[in-house]
N, C-alpha and C. Protein backbone atom coordinates (compact mmCIF):
# COMPACT_ATOMS: atom_id res chain seq x y z
N MET A 1 13.12 8.57 18.88
CA MET A 1 12.08 8.97 17.97
C MET A 1 10.88 9.42 18.79
N VAL A 2 10.36 10.57 18.50
CA VAL A 2 9.19 11.08 19.18
C VAL A 2 8.02 10.95 18.22
N LEU A 3 6.95 10.33 18.71
CA LEU A 3 5.76 10.18 17.88
C LEU A 3 4.67 11.04 18.46
N VAL A 4 4.04 11.81 17.62
CA VAL A 4 2.99 12.69 18.06
C VAL A 4 1.72 12.33 17.32
N GLY A 5 0.63 12.18 18.05
CA GLY A 5 -0.66 11.88 17.43
C GLY A 5 -1.37 13.16 17.06
N VAL A 6 -2.36 13.03 16.24
CA VAL A 6 -3.18 14.17 15.87
C VAL A 6 -4.22 14.34 16.96
N ILE A 7 -4.24 15.49 17.60
CA ILE A 7 -5.13 15.70 18.73
C ILE A 7 -6.06 16.85 18.40
N GLY A 8 -7.36 16.61 18.60
CA GLY A 8 -8.36 17.65 18.38
C GLY A 8 -8.27 18.70 19.46
N CYS A 9 -9.03 19.76 19.32
CA CYS A 9 -8.97 20.80 20.32
C CYS A 9 -10.37 21.24 20.70
N GLY A 10 -10.46 22.02 21.76
CA GLY A 10 -11.74 22.53 22.20
C GLY A 10 -12.64 21.43 22.70
N LYS A 11 -13.92 21.52 22.32
CA LYS A 11 -14.92 20.56 22.78
C LYS A 11 -15.21 19.51 21.73
N ASP A 12 -14.26 19.25 20.87
CA ASP A 12 -14.43 18.26 19.81
C ASP A 12 -14.65 16.88 20.40
N PRO A 13 -15.86 16.28 20.22
CA PRO A 13 -16.13 14.97 20.80
C PRO A 13 -15.39 13.85 20.08
N VAL A 14 -14.76 14.13 18.95
CA VAL A 14 -14.05 13.10 18.19
C VAL A 14 -12.54 13.32 18.35
N ASP A 15 -12.11 13.61 19.57
CA ASP A 15 -10.70 13.82 19.88
C ASP A 15 -9.96 12.51 19.65
N SER A 16 -9.07 12.48 18.64
CA SER A 16 -8.40 11.23 18.28
C SER A 16 -7.41 10.78 19.34
N ALA A 17 -7.17 11.58 20.38
CA ALA A 17 -6.30 11.14 21.46
C ALA A 17 -6.94 9.99 22.24
N PHE A 18 -8.26 9.84 22.15
CA PHE A 18 -8.94 8.76 22.87
C PHE A 18 -10.00 8.08 22.03
N ASN A 19 -10.05 8.35 20.74
CA ASN A 19 -11.10 7.84 19.87
C ASN A 19 -10.48 7.10 18.70
N PRO A 20 -10.89 5.85 18.45
CA PRO A 20 -10.28 5.09 17.36
C PRO A 20 -10.82 5.41 15.97
N ASN A 21 -11.66 6.44 15.82
CA ASN A 21 -12.27 6.71 14.51
C ASN A 21 -11.24 6.92 13.39
N PHE A 22 -10.08 7.49 13.70
CA PHE A 22 -9.09 7.73 12.65
C PHE A 22 -8.54 6.42 12.09
N MET A 23 -8.74 5.32 12.81
CA MET A 23 -8.26 4.00 12.36
C MET A 23 -9.34 3.21 11.62
N MET A 24 -10.56 3.72 11.56
CA MET A 24 -11.64 2.98 10.91
C MET A 24 -11.33 2.77 9.43
N GLY A 25 -11.61 1.57 8.95
CA GLY A 25 -11.40 1.26 7.54
C GLY A 25 -10.46 0.08 7.37
N ASP A 26 -10.03 -0.11 6.14
CA ASP A 26 -9.15 -1.22 5.78
C ASP A 26 -7.76 -0.69 5.47
N TRP A 27 -6.73 -1.33 6.04
CA TRP A 27 -5.36 -0.88 5.95
C TRP A 27 -4.45 -2.00 5.46
N LEU A 28 -3.40 -1.62 4.77
CA LEU A 28 -2.37 -2.54 4.29
C LEU A 28 -1.02 -2.00 4.74
N ALA A 29 -0.16 -2.87 5.26
CA ALA A 29 1.18 -2.43 5.66
C ALA A 29 2.04 -2.25 4.42
N ARG A 30 2.41 -1.01 4.15
CA ARG A 30 3.33 -0.71 3.05
C ARG A 30 4.75 -1.07 3.46
N SER A 31 5.01 -1.02 4.76
CA SER A 31 6.34 -1.31 5.28
C SER A 31 6.20 -1.95 6.66
N GLN A 32 7.03 -2.97 6.92
CA GLN A 32 7.10 -3.62 8.24
C GLN A 32 8.57 -3.93 8.51
N VAL A 33 9.16 -3.20 9.43
CA VAL A 33 10.58 -3.39 9.73
C VAL A 33 10.74 -3.68 11.22
N VAL A 34 11.46 -4.77 11.53
CA VAL A 34 11.77 -5.14 12.90
C VAL A 34 13.24 -4.80 13.14
N THR A 35 13.51 -4.07 14.23
CA THR A 35 14.87 -3.66 14.57
C THR A 35 15.23 -4.15 15.96
N SER A 36 16.41 -4.72 16.10
CA SER A 36 16.89 -5.19 17.40
C SER A 36 17.10 -4.00 18.33
N VAL A 37 16.63 -4.13 19.57
CA VAL A 37 16.87 -3.09 20.57
C VAL A 37 18.34 -3.12 21.00
N ALA A 38 18.93 -4.31 21.12
CA ALA A 38 20.32 -4.45 21.55
C ALA A 38 21.30 -3.90 20.52
N ASP A 39 20.98 -4.07 19.24
CA ASP A 39 21.87 -3.60 18.16
C ASP A 39 21.01 -3.06 17.02
N PRO A 40 20.73 -1.76 17.01
CA PRO A 40 19.85 -1.17 15.99
C PRO A 40 20.33 -1.35 14.55
N GLN A 41 21.59 -1.81 14.37
CA GLN A 41 22.07 -2.10 13.02
C GLN A 41 21.49 -3.40 12.49
N VAL A 42 20.95 -4.24 13.39
CA VAL A 42 20.37 -5.52 13.01
C VAL A 42 18.87 -5.33 12.83
N LEU A 43 18.42 -5.52 11.59
CA LEU A 43 17.00 -5.35 11.31
C LEU A 43 16.55 -6.32 10.24
N ALA A 44 15.24 -6.49 10.16
CA ALA A 44 14.64 -7.34 9.13
C ALA A 44 13.49 -6.58 8.51
N ASP A 45 13.51 -6.44 7.20
CA ASP A 45 12.43 -5.80 6.46
C ASP A 45 11.44 -6.90 6.07
N LEU A 46 10.42 -7.09 6.89
CA LEU A 46 9.47 -8.18 6.69
C LEU A 46 8.71 -8.05 5.38
N THR A 47 8.40 -6.83 4.97
CA THR A 47 7.68 -6.63 3.71
C THR A 47 8.54 -7.07 2.54
N ALA A 48 9.82 -6.70 2.56
CA ALA A 48 10.73 -7.11 1.48
C ALA A 48 10.90 -8.62 1.43
N LEU A 49 10.72 -9.28 2.58
CA LEU A 49 10.84 -10.74 2.65
C LEU A 49 9.53 -11.45 2.28
N GLY A 50 8.49 -10.67 1.95
CA GLY A 50 7.24 -11.25 1.48
C GLY A 50 6.09 -11.25 2.47
N ALA A 51 6.28 -10.67 3.66
CA ALA A 51 5.20 -10.63 4.65
C ALA A 51 4.15 -9.61 4.24
N VAL A 52 2.90 -9.95 4.49
CA VAL A 52 1.77 -9.06 4.21
C VAL A 52 0.96 -8.94 5.49
N TYR A 53 0.62 -7.70 5.86
CA TYR A 53 -0.19 -7.44 7.05
C TYR A 53 -1.36 -6.57 6.64
N THR A 54 -2.57 -7.01 6.96
CA THR A 54 -3.76 -6.21 6.72
C THR A 54 -4.50 -6.02 8.03
N LEU A 55 -5.13 -4.87 8.16
CA LEU A 55 -5.88 -4.53 9.36
C LEU A 55 -7.20 -3.91 8.93
N SER A 56 -8.29 -4.45 9.45
CA SER A 56 -9.61 -3.89 9.19
C SER A 56 -10.20 -3.47 10.53
N VAL A 57 -10.60 -2.20 10.64
CA VAL A 57 -11.17 -1.68 11.88
C VAL A 57 -12.58 -1.16 11.57
N GLN A 58 -13.55 -1.69 12.29
CA GLN A 58 -14.95 -1.32 12.12
C GLN A 58 -15.47 -0.71 13.42
N PRO A 59 -16.53 0.12 13.33
CA PRO A 59 -17.11 0.68 14.55
C PRO A 59 -17.60 -0.45 15.45
N PRO A 60 -17.51 -0.31 16.71
CA PRO A 60 -16.94 0.77 17.50
C PRO A 60 -15.48 0.53 17.87
N GLY A 61 -14.73 -0.12 17.00
CA GLY A 61 -13.33 -0.42 17.27
C GLY A 61 -13.01 -1.91 17.16
N ARG A 62 -13.94 -2.68 16.60
CA ARG A 62 -13.68 -4.11 16.36
C ARG A 62 -12.64 -4.21 15.25
N TYR A 63 -11.66 -5.09 15.42
CA TYR A 63 -10.64 -5.21 14.39
C TYR A 63 -10.38 -6.67 14.01
N THR A 64 -9.89 -6.82 12.79
CA THR A 64 -9.37 -8.08 12.28
C THR A 64 -8.00 -7.78 11.71
N ALA A 65 -6.99 -8.47 12.19
CA ALA A 65 -5.62 -8.32 11.68
C ALA A 65 -5.19 -9.65 11.09
N ILE A 66 -4.62 -9.62 9.89
CA ILE A 66 -4.17 -10.84 9.23
C ILE A 66 -2.71 -10.66 8.82
N SER A 67 -1.87 -11.60 9.28
CA SER A 67 -0.44 -11.64 8.91
C SER A 67 -0.21 -12.85 8.04
N GLU A 68 0.43 -12.62 6.88
CA GLU A 68 0.73 -13.71 5.94
C GLU A 68 2.19 -13.61 5.52
N GLY A 69 2.74 -14.76 5.10
CA GLY A 69 4.05 -14.71 4.49
C GLY A 69 5.04 -15.72 4.99
N PHE A 70 4.94 -16.15 6.23
CA PHE A 70 5.89 -17.11 6.79
C PHE A 70 5.08 -18.25 7.40
N GLY A 71 4.74 -19.22 6.60
CA GLY A 71 3.88 -20.30 7.07
C GLY A 71 2.42 -19.92 6.89
N PRO A 72 1.53 -20.59 7.63
CA PRO A 72 0.10 -20.31 7.47
C PRO A 72 -0.23 -18.88 7.93
N ALA A 73 -1.27 -18.32 7.33
CA ALA A 73 -1.73 -16.98 7.72
C ALA A 73 -2.22 -17.02 9.17
N ILE A 74 -2.01 -15.91 9.87
CA ILE A 74 -2.45 -15.78 11.26
C ILE A 74 -3.48 -14.66 11.31
N ALA A 75 -4.67 -14.98 11.85
CA ALA A 75 -5.73 -13.98 11.99
C ALA A 75 -5.94 -13.69 13.47
N GLU A 76 -6.18 -12.41 13.77
CA GLU A 76 -6.45 -11.99 15.14
C GLU A 76 -7.69 -11.11 15.11
N PHE A 77 -8.58 -11.31 16.07
CA PHE A 77 -9.82 -10.54 16.17
C PHE A 77 -9.88 -9.93 17.56
N GLY A 78 -10.41 -8.71 17.65
CA GLY A 78 -10.53 -8.12 18.97
C GLY A 78 -11.05 -6.70 18.92
N ASN A 79 -10.71 -5.93 19.96
CA ASN A 79 -11.12 -4.54 20.08
C ASN A 79 -9.91 -3.63 20.05
N LEU A 80 -10.04 -2.50 19.36
CA LEU A 80 -8.99 -1.50 19.25
C LEU A 80 -9.49 -0.24 19.93
N THR A 81 -8.68 0.31 20.82
CA THR A 81 -8.99 1.58 21.46
C THR A 81 -7.75 2.47 21.34
N VAL A 82 -7.93 3.73 21.68
CA VAL A 82 -6.82 4.68 21.66
C VAL A 82 -6.71 5.27 23.06
N ASP A 83 -5.50 5.29 23.58
CA ASP A 83 -5.23 5.87 24.89
C ASP A 83 -4.08 6.85 24.72
N GLY A 84 -4.41 8.09 24.35
CA GLY A 84 -3.39 9.11 24.11
C GLY A 84 -2.48 8.71 22.97
N PRO A 85 -1.18 8.51 23.23
CA PRO A 85 -0.24 8.19 22.15
C PRO A 85 -0.25 6.72 21.74
N ASN A 86 -1.06 5.89 22.39
CA ASN A 86 -1.06 4.46 22.12
C ASN A 86 -2.34 3.97 21.48
N VAL A 87 -2.19 3.11 20.47
CA VAL A 87 -3.30 2.30 19.98
C VAL A 87 -3.21 1.02 20.80
N VAL A 88 -4.33 0.61 21.39
CA VAL A 88 -4.37 -0.57 22.26
C VAL A 88 -5.14 -1.67 21.55
N PHE A 89 -4.46 -2.79 21.28
CA PHE A 89 -5.08 -3.95 20.66
C PHE A 89 -5.41 -4.95 21.77
N THR A 90 -6.70 -5.30 21.90
CA THR A 90 -7.14 -6.29 22.87
C THR A 90 -7.77 -7.44 22.11
N PRO A 91 -6.99 -8.50 21.84
CA PRO A 91 -7.52 -9.62 21.07
C PRO A 91 -8.49 -10.46 21.90
N GLN A 92 -9.35 -11.23 21.20
CA GLN A 92 -10.26 -12.14 21.90
C GLN A 92 -9.48 -13.12 22.75
N PHE A 93 -8.36 -13.59 22.23
CA PHE A 93 -7.52 -14.56 22.93
C PHE A 93 -6.11 -14.00 22.99
N GLY A 94 -5.50 -14.07 24.15
CA GLY A 94 -4.13 -13.57 24.28
C GLY A 94 -4.10 -12.23 24.98
N GLY A 95 -2.89 -11.74 25.16
CA GLY A 95 -2.69 -10.50 25.90
C GLY A 95 -2.80 -9.25 25.06
N GLN A 96 -3.06 -8.17 25.74
CA GLN A 96 -3.18 -6.85 25.13
C GLN A 96 -1.81 -6.38 24.63
N SER A 97 -1.81 -5.60 23.54
CA SER A 97 -0.56 -5.02 23.05
C SER A 97 -0.78 -3.55 22.73
N LEU A 98 0.31 -2.79 22.81
CA LEU A 98 0.27 -1.35 22.57
C LEU A 98 1.15 -1.00 21.39
N ALA A 99 0.77 0.05 20.68
CA ALA A 99 1.61 0.60 19.61
C ALA A 99 1.50 2.12 19.66
N LEU A 100 2.65 2.79 19.70
CA LEU A 100 2.64 4.24 19.55
C LEU A 100 2.16 4.55 18.15
N TRP A 101 1.36 5.59 17.99
CA TRP A 101 0.83 5.90 16.66
C TRP A 101 1.18 7.32 16.25
N GLU A 102 1.26 7.47 14.94
CA GLU A 102 1.47 8.78 14.32
C GLU A 102 0.71 8.78 13.01
N GLN A 103 -0.02 9.84 12.74
CA GLN A 103 -0.72 9.96 11.46
C GLN A 103 0.07 10.91 10.58
N VAL A 104 0.44 10.43 9.39
CA VAL A 104 1.20 11.23 8.43
C VAL A 104 0.43 11.18 7.12
N GLY A 105 -0.27 12.27 6.80
CA GLY A 105 -1.12 12.27 5.61
C GLY A 105 -2.18 11.19 5.74
N ASP A 106 -2.29 10.33 4.73
CA ASP A 106 -3.26 9.23 4.77
C ASP A 106 -2.72 8.00 5.50
N SER A 107 -1.44 8.01 5.85
CA SER A 107 -0.81 6.84 6.48
C SER A 107 -0.90 6.90 8.00
N ILE A 108 -0.88 5.72 8.60
CA ILE A 108 -0.77 5.59 10.05
C ILE A 108 0.51 4.79 10.31
N ILE A 109 1.35 5.30 11.19
CA ILE A 109 2.57 4.58 11.58
C ILE A 109 2.35 4.03 12.98
N LEU A 110 2.56 2.72 13.13
CA LEU A 110 2.44 2.06 14.43
C LEU A 110 3.81 1.50 14.82
N VAL A 111 4.26 1.81 16.03
CA VAL A 111 5.55 1.33 16.52
C VAL A 111 5.31 0.57 17.82
N SER A 112 5.72 -0.72 17.84
CA SER A 112 5.49 -1.60 18.99
C SER A 112 6.78 -2.23 19.45
N GLU A 113 6.81 -2.56 20.73
CA GLU A 113 7.92 -3.34 21.29
C GLU A 113 7.49 -4.80 21.26
N ILE A 114 8.34 -5.68 20.69
CA ILE A 114 8.02 -7.09 20.56
C ILE A 114 9.25 -7.93 20.88
N ASP A 115 9.06 -9.24 21.00
CA ASP A 115 10.17 -10.19 21.05
C ASP A 115 10.25 -10.82 19.67
N PHE A 116 11.46 -10.82 19.08
CA PHE A 116 11.62 -11.32 17.72
C PHE A 116 13.07 -11.76 17.54
N ASP A 117 13.28 -12.84 16.83
CA ASP A 117 14.62 -13.35 16.54
C ASP A 117 15.17 -12.64 15.31
N VAL A 118 15.57 -11.38 15.48
CA VAL A 118 16.00 -10.55 14.36
C VAL A 118 17.28 -11.09 13.72
N ASN A 119 18.23 -11.57 14.54
CA ASN A 119 19.50 -12.03 13.98
C ASN A 119 19.51 -13.53 13.66
N LEU A 120 18.36 -14.18 13.76
CA LEU A 120 18.18 -15.59 13.38
C LEU A 120 19.14 -16.54 14.10
N ASP A 121 19.39 -16.26 15.41
CA ASP A 121 20.23 -17.16 16.19
C ASP A 121 19.42 -18.17 17.00
N GLY A 122 18.10 -18.18 16.80
CA GLY A 122 17.23 -19.11 17.50
C GLY A 122 16.70 -18.59 18.83
N THR A 123 17.10 -17.38 19.21
CA THR A 123 16.65 -16.80 20.48
C THR A 123 15.97 -15.46 20.23
N PRO A 124 14.67 -15.37 20.53
CA PRO A 124 14.00 -14.07 20.38
C PRO A 124 14.59 -13.06 21.36
N GLY A 125 14.68 -11.83 20.92
CA GLY A 125 15.16 -10.75 21.77
C GLY A 125 14.27 -9.53 21.62
N ALA A 126 14.51 -8.55 22.47
CA ALA A 126 13.73 -7.31 22.42
C ALA A 126 13.93 -6.63 21.07
N ALA A 127 12.82 -6.24 20.47
CA ALA A 127 12.87 -5.60 19.14
C ALA A 127 11.76 -4.57 19.03
N THR A 128 11.90 -3.72 18.05
CA THR A 128 10.89 -2.71 17.74
C THR A 128 10.32 -3.03 16.36
N LEU A 129 8.99 -3.08 16.27
CA LEU A 129 8.30 -3.30 15.00
C LEU A 129 7.68 -1.98 14.57
N ARG A 130 8.07 -1.51 13.38
CA ARG A 130 7.51 -0.27 12.82
C ARG A 130 6.73 -0.64 11.57
N ARG A 131 5.41 -0.39 11.62
CA ARG A 131 4.53 -0.65 10.47
C ARG A 131 4.00 0.67 9.95
N VAL A 132 4.08 0.85 8.64
CA VAL A 132 3.46 1.99 7.98
C VAL A 132 2.23 1.45 7.26
N LEU A 133 1.05 1.87 7.72
CA LEU A 133 -0.21 1.40 7.14
C LEU A 133 -0.76 2.44 6.18
N ILE A 134 -1.24 1.97 5.03
CA ILE A 134 -1.87 2.85 4.05
C ILE A 134 -3.30 2.36 3.83
N PRO A 135 -4.21 3.26 3.46
CA PRO A 135 -5.58 2.82 3.19
C PRO A 135 -5.59 1.79 2.07
N LYS A 136 -6.39 0.78 2.23
CA LYS A 136 -6.47 -0.31 1.25
C LYS A 136 -7.52 0.01 0.20
């Protein structure tokens, strides 16, 4: 899958290839699907299972992400930047994470590599998380 971001041209100072402005606002995950890297036929539709993900991005890139649905809600706070094809999440606590981004109409699609127990065998494995965010 090739993901292409929306890139400004000329001397546009708001070039979204390096500017998080296109992510500003409140977002809701319409879809969250985790797919096993080892076996792409093995996947979990987290949204269908009741998971809810919201993302709020404020200037100059401060974000709050909230995941709900499996146990207590998890909140993450930090800074969001854009580095070409990647949205970079830098939480206050924990390590940085990357997501390839694509803007399709009003939606933003984020694709990340994660460790997740997709086949529920008790062992997390390499997986891809694809979130489709819509304006809230």
